Amino acid sequence: MEELIVSKEELVQMFEKEEIQDTGRGWIMEGKQIEIIALHDIDPKFLQDVTNAKFYKLIKR
């Protein structure tokens, strides 16, 4: 997995199924640290709450 786009519901399920673990220092998926980026529909110059995005991009670090 280099980059994966998932919906908010899919992301929540991935945490519930422990496909993604929160270590307190970051997120781990498939044994590798990942970055979770919120994707918003509106202009990025407006600050948005990261939990209110419809989709998220998961990037392997």
PDB file of N, CA and C in Angstrom:
ATOM      1  N   MET A   1       0.850  -1.187   0.000  1.00  0.00           N
ATOM      2  CA  MET A   1       0.000   0.000   0.000  1.00  0.00           C
ATOM      3  C   MET A   1       0.887   1.239   0.000  1.00  0.00           C
ATOM      4  N   GLU A   2       0.875   1.976  -1.050  1.00  0.00           N
ATOM      5  CA  GLU A   2       1.577   3.246  -1.099  1.00  0.00           C
ATOM      6  C   GLU A   2       0.636   4.358  -0.647  1.00  0.00           C
ATOM      7  N   GLU A   3      -0.576   4.345  -1.195  1.00  0.00           N
ATOM      8  CA  GLU A   3      -1.562   5.369  -0.885  1.00  0.00           C
ATOM      9  C   GLU A   3      -2.941   4.749  -1.036  1.00  0.00           C
ATOM     10  N   LEU A   4      -3.826   5.038  -0.097  1.00  0.00           N
ATOM     11  CA  LEU A   4      -5.161   4.455  -0.109  1.00  0.00           C
ATOM     12  C   LEU A   4      -6.147   5.527   0.317  1.00  0.00           C
ATOM     13  N   ILE A   5      -7.248   5.674  -0.422  1.00  0.00           N
ATOM     14  CA  ILE A   5      -8.297   6.632  -0.046  1.00  0.00           C
ATOM     15  C   ILE A   5      -9.494   5.835   0.456  1.00  0.00           C
ATOM     16  N   VAL A   6      -9.950   6.183   1.666  1.00  0.00           N
ATOM     17  CA  VAL A   6     -11.075   5.480   2.287  1.00  0.00           C
ATOM     18  C   VAL A   6     -12.093   6.490   2.795  1.00  0.00           C
ATOM     19  N   SER A   7     -13.330   6.035   2.933  1.00  0.00           N
ATOM     20  CA  SER A   7     -14.374   6.885   3.498  1.00  0.00           C
ATOM     21  C   SER A   7     -14.213   6.938   5.016  1.00  0.00           C
ATOM     22  N   LYS A   8     -14.924   7.854   5.626  1.00  0.00           N
ATOM     23  CA  LYS A   8     -14.880   7.984   7.084  1.00  0.00           C
ATOM     24  C   LYS A   8     -15.345   6.685   7.744  1.00  0.00           C
ATOM     25  N   GLU A   9     -16.400   6.078   7.199  1.00  0.00           N
ATOM     26  CA  GLU A   9     -16.925   4.834   7.760  1.00  0.00           C
ATOM     27  C   GLU A   9     -15.908   3.698   7.647  1.00  0.00           C
ATOM     28  N   GLU A  10     -15.232   3.620   6.493  1.00  0.00           N
ATOM     29  CA  GLU A  10     -14.209   2.588   6.306  1.00  0.00           C
ATOM     30  C   GLU A  10     -13.047   2.773   7.278  1.00  0.00           C
ATOM     31  N   LEU A  11     -12.657   4.028   7.499  1.00  0.00           N
ATOM     32  CA  LEU A  11     -11.561   4.322   8.421  1.00  0.00           C
ATOM     33  C   LEU A  11     -11.924   3.891   9.843  1.00  0.00           C
ATOM     34  N   VAL A  12     -13.144   4.190  10.258  1.00  0.00           N
ATOM     35  CA  VAL A  12     -13.609   3.795  11.596  1.00  0.00           C
ATOM     36  C   VAL A  12     -13.591   2.271  11.718  1.00  0.00           C
ATOM     37  N   GLN A  13     -14.060   1.568  10.683  1.00  0.00           N
ATOM     38  CA  GLN A  13     -14.057   0.102  10.703  1.00  0.00           C
ATOM     39  C   GLN A  13     -12.638  -0.454  10.775  1.00  0.00           C
ATOM     40  N   MET A  14     -11.699   0.194  10.086  1.00  0.00           N
ATOM     41  CA  MET A  14     -10.311  -0.269  10.105  1.00  0.00           C
ATOM     42  C   MET A  14      -9.729  -0.174  11.519  1.00  0.00           C
ATOM     43  N   PHE A  15     -10.091   0.889  12.256  1.00  0.00           N
ATOM     44  CA  PHE A  15      -9.646   1.014  13.646  1.00  0.00           C
ATOM     45  C   PHE A  15     -10.339  -0.030  14.521  1.00  0.00           C
ATOM     46  N   GLU A  16     -11.645  -0.232  14.308  1.00  0.00           N
ATOM     47  CA  GLU A  16     -12.395  -1.209  15.114  1.00  0.00           C
ATOM     48  C   GLU A  16     -11.870  -2.628  14.897  1.00  0.00           C
ATOM     49  N   LYS A  17     -11.512  -2.979  13.663  1.00  0.00           N
ATOM     50  CA  LYS A  17     -10.995  -4.306  13.348  1.00  0.00           C
ATOM     51  C   LYS A  17      -9.500  -4.415  13.647  1.00  0.00           C
ATOM     52  N   GLU A  18      -8.931  -3.326  14.144  1.00  0.00           N
ATOM     53  CA  GLU A  18      -7.508  -3.241  14.479  1.00  0.00           C
ATOM     54  C   GLU A  18      -6.604  -3.463  13.274  1.00  0.00           C
ATOM     55  N   GLU A  19      -7.104  -3.117  12.067  1.00  0.00           N
ATOM     56  CA  GLU A  19      -6.251  -3.105  10.883  1.00  0.00           C
ATOM     57  C   GLU A  19      -5.274  -1.928  10.988  1.00  0.00           C
ATOM     58  N   ILE A  20      -5.711  -0.876  11.687  1.00  0.00           N
ATOM     59  CA  ILE A  20      -4.864   0.279  11.997  1.00  0.00           C
ATOM     60  C   ILE A  20      -4.788   0.365  13.508  1.00  0.00           C
ATOM     61  N   GLN A  21      -3.580   0.464  14.049  1.00  0.00           N
ATOM     62  CA  GLN A  21      -3.389   0.601  15.489  1.00  0.00           C
ATOM     63  C   GLN A  21      -2.858   1.998  15.801  1.00  0.00           C
ATOM     64  N   ASP A  22      -3.382   2.582  16.874  1.00  0.00           N
ATOM     65  CA  ASP A  22      -2.905   3.863  17.371  1.00  0.00           C
ATOM     66  C   ASP A  22      -1.899   3.580  18.477  1.00  0.00           C
ATOM     67  N   THR A  23      -0.639   3.920  18.243  1.00  0.00           N
ATOM     68  CA  THR A  23       0.420   3.619  19.209  1.00  0.00           C
ATOM     69  C   THR A  23       0.635   4.747  20.208  1.00  0.00           C
ATOM     70  N   GLY A  24      -0.039   5.863  20.012  1.00  0.00           N
ATOM     71  CA  GLY A  24       0.211   7.032  20.850  1.00  0.00           C
ATOM     72  C   GLY A  24       1.286   7.918  20.237  1.00  0.00           C
ATOM     73  N   ARG A  25       2.107   7.328  19.395  1.00  0.00           N
ATOM     74  CA  ARG A  25       3.147   8.085  18.678  1.00  0.00           C
ATOM     75  C   ARG A  25       2.838   8.186  17.190  1.00  0.00           C
ATOM     76  N   GLY A  26       1.840   7.447  16.750  1.00  0.00           N
ATOM     77  CA  GLY A  26       1.468   7.426  15.344  1.00  0.00           C
ATOM     78  C   GLY A  26       0.545   6.256  15.070  1.00  0.00           C
ATOM     79  N   TRP A  27       0.241   6.043  13.790  1.00  0.00           N
ATOM     80  CA  TRP A  27      -0.647   4.959  13.401  1.00  0.00           C
ATOM     81  C   TRP A  27       0.148   3.912  12.641  1.00  0.00           C
ATOM     82  N   ILE A  28      -0.160   2.635  12.908  1.00  0.00           N
ATOM     83  CA  ILE A  28       0.532   1.518  12.281  1.00  0.00           C
ATOM     84  C   ILE A  28      -0.481   0.686  11.498  1.00  0.00           C
ATOM     85  N   MET A  29      -0.126   0.369  10.234  1.00  0.00           N
ATOM     86  CA  MET A  29      -0.951  -0.488   9.389  1.00  0.00           C
ATOM     87  C   MET A  29      -0.006  -1.426   8.642  1.00  0.00           C
ATOM     88  N   GLU A  30      -0.291  -2.715   8.705  1.00  0.00           N
ATOM     89  CA  GLU A  30       0.541  -3.734   8.043  1.00  0.00           C
ATOM     90  C   GLU A  30       2.004  -3.620   8.483  1.00  0.00           C
ATOM     91  N   GLY A  31       2.214  -3.295   9.758  1.00  0.00           N
ATOM     92  CA  GLY A  31       3.554  -3.214  10.307  1.00  0.00           C
ATOM     93  C   GLY A  31       4.332  -1.962   9.948  1.00  0.00           C
ATOM     94  N   LYS A  32       3.706  -1.029   9.257  1.00  0.00           N
ATOM     95  CA  LYS A  32       4.383   0.199   8.837  1.00  0.00           C
ATOM     96  C   LYS A  32       3.625   1.417   9.349  1.00  0.00           C
ATOM     97  N   GLN A  33       4.377   2.472   9.663  1.00  0.00           N
ATOM     98  CA  GLN A  33       3.751   3.701  10.120  1.00  0.00           C
ATOM     99  C   GLN A  33       3.079   4.390   8.937  1.00  0.00           C
ATOM    100  N   ILE A  34       1.864   4.901   9.177  1.00  0.00           N
ATOM    101  CA  ILE A  34       1.129   5.591   8.128  1.00  0.00           C
ATOM    102  C   ILE A  34       0.759   6.992   8.587  1.00  0.00           C
ATOM    103  N   GLU A  35       0.432   7.811   7.622  1.00  0.00           N
ATOM    104  CA  GLU A  35      -0.068   9.159   7.867  1.00  0.00           C
ATOM    105  C   GLU A  35      -1.509   9.182   7.385  1.00  0.00           C
ATOM    106  N   ILE A  36      -2.394   9.817   8.141  1.00  0.00           N
ATOM    107  CA  ILE A  36      -3.796   9.924   7.753  1.00  0.00           C
ATOM    108  C   ILE A  36      -4.088  11.388   7.461  1.00  0.00           C
ATOM    109  N   ILE A  37      -4.529  11.658   6.227  1.00  0.00           N
ATOM    110  CA  ILE A  37      -4.799  13.022   5.789  1.00  0.00           C
ATOM    111  C   ILE A  37      -6.277  13.151   5.472  1.00  0.00           C
ATOM    112  N   ALA A  38      -6.937  14.151   6.065  1.00  0.00           N
ATOM    113  CA  ALA A  38      -8.351  14.402   5.790  1.00  0.00           C
ATOM    114  C   ALA A  38      -8.486  15.085   4.439  1.00  0.00           C
ATOM    115  N   LEU A  39      -9.413  14.608   3.626  1.00  0.00           N
ATOM    116  CA  LEU A  39      -9.692  15.205   2.323  1.00  0.00           C
ATOM    117  C   LEU A  39     -11.023  15.943   2.412  1.00  0.00           C
ATOM    118  N   HIS A  40     -10.991  17.250   2.185  1.00  0.00           N
ATOM    119  CA  HIS A  40     -12.199  18.074   2.278  1.00  0.00           C
ATOM    120  C   HIS A  40     -12.646  18.534   0.895  1.00  0.00           C
ATOM    121  N   ASP A  41     -13.945  18.767   0.756  1.00  0.00           N
ATOM    122  CA  ASP A  41     -14.522  19.192  -0.515  1.00  0.00           C
ATOM    123  C   ASP A  41     -14.355  20.679  -0.776  1.00  0.00           C
ATOM    124  N   ILE A  42     -14.074  21.466   0.264  1.00  0.00           N
ATOM    125  CA  ILE A  42     -14.016  22.916   0.080  1.00  0.00           C
ATOM    126  C   ILE A  42     -12.571  23.394   0.025  1.00  0.00           C
ATOM    127  N   ASP A  43     -12.423  24.657  -0.299  1.00  0.00           N
ATOM    128  CA  ASP A  43     -11.105  25.277  -0.449  1.00  0.00           C
ATOM    129  C   ASP A  43     -10.250  25.044   0.791  1.00  0.00           C
ATOM    130  N   PRO A  44      -9.030  24.534   0.625  1.00  0.00           N
ATOM    131  CA  PRO A  44      -8.182  24.204   1.776  1.00  0.00           C
ATOM    132  C   PRO A  44      -7.745  25.408   2.618  1.00  0.00           C
ATOM    133  N   LYS A  45      -7.972  26.632   2.137  1.00  0.00           N
ATOM    134  CA  LYS A  45      -7.563  27.779   2.954  1.00  0.00           C
ATOM    135  C   LYS A  45      -8.453  27.939   4.182  1.00  0.00           C
ATOM    136  N   PHE A  46      -9.622  27.290   4.158  1.00  0.00           N
ATOM    137  CA  PHE A  46     -10.503  27.321   5.318  1.00  0.00           C
ATOM    138  C   PHE A  46     -10.141  26.159   6.233  1.00  0.00           C
ATOM    139  N   LEU A  47      -9.809  26.459   7.464  1.00  0.00           N
ATOM    140  CA  LEU A  47      -9.424  25.424   8.425  1.00  0.00           C
ATOM    141  C   LEU A  47     -10.622  24.521   8.703  1.00  0.00           C
ATOM    142  N   GLN A  48     -10.407  23.227   8.599  1.00  0.00           N
ATOM    143  CA  GLN A  48     -11.475  22.249   8.807  1.00  0.00           C
ATOM    144  C   GLN A  48     -11.110  21.303   9.931  1.00  0.00           C
ATOM    145  N   ASP A  49     -12.110  20.812  10.607  1.00  0.00           N
ATOM    146  CA  ASP A  49     -11.918  19.787  11.633  1.00  0.00           C
ATOM    147  C   ASP A  49     -11.566  18.481  10.935  1.00  0.00           C
ATOM    148  N   VAL A  50     -10.471  17.869  11.331  1.00  0.00           N
ATOM    149  CA  VAL A  50      -9.997  16.648  10.677  1.00  0.00           C
ATOM    150  C   VAL A  50     -11.003  15.500  10.795  1.00  0.00           C
ATOM    151  N   THR A  51     -11.871  15.523  11.794  1.00  0.00           N
ATOM    152  CA  THR A  51     -12.842  14.442  11.976  1.00  0.00           C
ATOM    153  C   THR A  51     -14.087  14.619  11.113  1.00  0.00           C
ATOM    154  N   ASN A  52     -14.233  15.750  10.442  1.00  0.00           N
ATOM    155  CA  ASN A  52     -15.438  15.998   9.645  1.00  0.00           C
ATOM    156  C   ASN A  52     -15.250  15.771   8.154  1.00  0.00           C
ATOM    157  N   ALA A  53     -14.179  15.172   7.738  1.00  0.00           N
ATOM    158  CA  ALA A  53     -13.976  14.898   6.314  1.00  0.00           C
ATOM    159  C   ALA A  53     -14.790  13.673   5.903  1.00  0.00           C
ATOM    160  N   LYS A  54     -15.168  13.632   4.623  1.00  0.00           N
ATOM    161  CA  LYS A  54     -15.891  12.465   4.106  1.00  0.00           C
ATOM    162  C   LYS A  54     -14.923  11.362   3.712  1.00  0.00           C
ATOM    163  N   PHE A  55     -13.718  11.753   3.289  1.00  0.00           N
ATOM    164  CA  PHE A  55     -12.717  10.784   2.855  1.00  0.00           C
ATOM    165  C   PHE A  55     -11.366  11.101   3.480  1.00  0.00           C
ATOM    166  N   TYR A  56     -10.540  10.051   3.603  1.00  0.00           N
ATOM    167  CA  TYR A  56      -9.206  10.184   4.186  1.00  0.00           C
ATOM    168  C   TYR A  56      -8.209   9.465   3.294  1.00  0.00           C
ATOM    169  N   LYS A  57      -7.008  10.030   3.203  1.00  0.00           N
ATOM    170  CA  LYS A  57      -5.928   9.407   2.446  1.00  0.00           C
ATOM    171  C   LYS A  57      -4.944   8.812   3.438  1.00  0.00           C
ATOM    172  N   LEU A  58      -4.620   7.536   3.248  1.00  0.00           N
ATOM    173  CA  LEU A  58      -3.652   6.843   4.086  1.00  0.00           C
ATOM    174  C   LEU A  58      -2.369   6.706   3.278  1.00  0.00           C
ATOM    175  N   ILE A  59      -1.264   7.209   3.825  1.00  0.00           N
ATOM    176  CA  ILE A  59       0.016   7.196   3.124  1.00  0.00           C
ATOM    177  C   ILE A  59       1.051   6.495   3.988  1.00  0.00           C
ATOM    178  N   LYS A  60       1.754   5.532   3.388  1.00  0.00           N
ATOM    179  CA  LYS A  60       2.820   4.828   4.088  1.00  0.00           C
ATOM    180  C   LYS A  60       4.016   5.755   4.211  1.00  0.00           C
ATOM    181  N   ARG A  61       4.585   5.851   5.416  1.00  0.00           N
ATOM    182  CA  ARG A  61       5.764   6.710   5.631  1.00  0.00           C
ATOM    183  C   ARG A  61       7.021   5.976   5.341  1.00  0.00           C
TER     184      ARG A  61
END
